[in-house]
Structures are given as structure tokens and as C-alpha cells.
N, C-alpha and C. Protein backbone atom coordinates (compact mmCIF):
# COMPACT_ATOMS: atom_id res chain seq x y z
N MET A 1 -9.55 -0.85 3.44
CA MET A 1 -8.15 -0.25 3.16
C MET A 1 -8.48 1.18 3.77
N ARG A 2 -7.00 1.57 4.28
CA ARG A 2 -6.67 2.97 4.71
C ARG A 2 -6.22 3.64 3.42
N VAL A 3 -6.09 4.93 4.15
CA VAL A 3 -5.81 6.12 3.10
C VAL A 3 -4.66 6.79 3.79
N LEU A 4 -3.70 6.68 3.38
CA LEU A 4 -2.67 7.71 3.97
C LEU A 4 -2.00 8.73 2.88
N SER A 5 -1.47 9.61 3.71
CA SER A 5 -0.54 10.81 2.98
C SER A 5 0.33 10.39 2.18
N SER A 6 1.18 9.54 3.41
CA SER A 6 2.55 9.21 2.81
C SER A 6 2.26 7.36 2.85
N LEU A 7 3.43 7.21 2.09
CA LEU A 7 3.22 5.70 2.07
C LEU A 7 4.61 5.18 2.20
N ARG A 8 5.47 6.07 2.78
CA ARG A 8 7.52 5.48 3.03
C ARG A 8 7.28 4.74 4.04
N THR A 9 6.11 4.84 5.55
CA THR A 9 6.61 3.60 6.57
C THR A 9 5.24 2.42 6.20
N ALA A 10 4.69 2.31 5.40
CA ALA A 10 3.49 1.57 4.79
C ALA A 10 4.12 0.23 4.07
N LYS A 11 5.15 0.64 3.12
CA LYS A 11 5.58 -0.27 2.35
C LYS A 11 6.96 -1.38 3.30
N THR A 12 7.46 -0.71 4.44
CA THR A 12 8.09 -1.15 4.51
C THR A 12 7.74 -2.36 6.40
N ARG A 13 6.21 -2.13 6.30
CA ARG A 13 5.83 -2.60 7.28
C ARG A 13 5.82 -4.31 7.05
N HIS A 14 5.56 -5.02 6.06
CA HIS A 14 5.54 -6.39 5.48
C HIS A 14 6.42 -6.82 4.30
N PRO A 15 7.10 -7.67 4.60
CA PRO A 15 7.85 -8.39 3.29
C PRO A 15 7.18 -8.43 2.23
N GLY A 16 5.82 -8.76 2.28
CA GLY A 16 4.78 -8.95 1.09
C GLY A 16 4.42 -7.57 0.55
N CYS A 17 4.81 -6.73 0.88
CA CYS A 17 4.01 -5.26 0.54
C CYS A 17 4.84 -5.03 -0.98
N LYS A 18 4.09 -4.46 -1.95
CA LYS A 18 4.02 -3.73 -3.43
C LYS A 18 3.50 -2.84 -3.50
N ILE A 19 4.37 -2.03 -4.05
CA ILE A 19 3.71 -0.90 -4.59
C ILE A 19 3.49 -0.94 -6.02
N VAL A 20 1.85 -0.38 -6.30
CA VAL A 20 0.86 -0.13 -7.80
C VAL A 20 0.72 1.14 -8.09
N ARG A 21 0.79 1.22 -9.41
CA ARG A 21 0.08 2.41 -9.80
C ARG A 21 -1.44 2.07 -10.26
N ARG A 22 -2.22 2.69 -9.78
CA ARG A 22 -3.57 2.50 -10.73
C ARG A 22 -4.11 3.80 -11.36
N LYS A 23 -4.83 3.80 -12.13
CA LYS A 23 -5.91 5.54 -12.26
C LYS A 23 -5.03 6.44 -11.58
N GLY A 24 -3.52 6.84 -11.78
CA GLY A 24 -3.18 8.10 -10.83
C GLY A 24 -3.06 7.81 -9.37
N ARG A 25 -3.21 6.93 -9.14
CA ARG A 25 -2.97 6.48 -7.22
C ARG A 25 -2.32 5.56 -6.94
N VAL A 26 -1.79 5.79 -5.98
CA VAL A 26 -0.44 4.74 -5.72
C VAL A 26 -1.07 3.58 -4.73
N TYR A 27 -1.03 2.27 -4.72
CA TYR A 27 -1.53 1.68 -4.07
C TYR A 27 -0.08 0.81 -3.30
N ILE A 28 -0.65 0.29 -1.87
CA ILE A 28 0.26 -0.82 -1.56
C ILE A 28 -0.29 -1.85 -1.20
N ILE A 29 -0.37 -3.31 -2.32
CA ILE A 29 -1.06 -4.53 -2.29
C ILE A 29 -0.20 -5.35 -1.44
N ASN A 30 -1.32 -6.49 -0.50
CA ASN A 30 0.02 -7.39 -0.01
C ASN A 30 -0.98 -8.68 -0.33
N LYS A 31 -0.62 -9.84 -1.20
CA LYS A 31 -1.05 -11.00 -0.80
C LYS A 31 -1.16 -11.76 0.13
N ILE A 32 -0.08 -11.58 0.75
CA ILE A 32 -0.10 -12.87 1.66
C ILE A 32 -0.72 -12.41 3.04
N ASN A 33 -0.57 -10.88 3.14
CA ASN A 33 -1.53 -10.91 4.21
C ASN A 33 -2.42 -9.31 3.77
N PRO A 34 -4.03 -9.58 3.81
CA PRO A 34 -4.43 -8.29 2.92
C PRO A 34 -4.59 -7.23 3.87
N ARG A 35 -4.61 -7.27 5.02
CA ARG A 35 -4.94 -6.19 6.14
C ARG A 35 -3.67 -5.66 5.90
N TYR A 36 -2.54 -5.12 4.72
CA TYR A 36 -1.98 -4.06 5.26
C TYR A 36 -2.04 -3.39 3.64
N LYS A 37 -3.38 -3.28 3.17
CA LYS A 37 -3.74 -2.61 1.87
C LYS A 37 -3.80 -1.48 2.60
N VAL A 38 -3.24 -0.34 1.47
CA VAL A 38 -3.01 1.23 1.78
C VAL A 38 -3.22 1.97 0.48
N ARG A 39 -4.05 3.02 0.29
CA ARG A 39 -3.95 3.44 -0.69
C ARG A 39 -3.56 5.21 -0.65
N GLN A 40 -2.72 5.88 -1.25
CA GLN A 40 -2.53 7.15 -1.39
C GLN A 40 -3.22 8.20 -1.97
N GLY A 41 -3.73 9.13 -1.42
CA GLY A 41 -4.29 10.28 -2.41
C GLY A 41 -6.04 10.40 -2.01
């Protein structure tokens, strides 16, 4: 999982990307292609 300061480009990278908030952090998860997992902060 990569850590980015901004998720603006990461959320448009693949059509299966979804934004999720967990424990005060913002994640992008992708069940179709898990290599697009990203965390902010």
C-alpha cells in the first residue's frame, strides 16, 4: 500500500477505486485490482 499526500489523481486511476474513511485516515480500495490500494496521511 502506498502512502500519498493527495488522493486526487489516485481516485481516477481505475474505475473500481472507492474512497473509504477508517480511523481518521482516508483510503482508496480496489477489489477488482488490489494494486491500486492507497492511504493518505
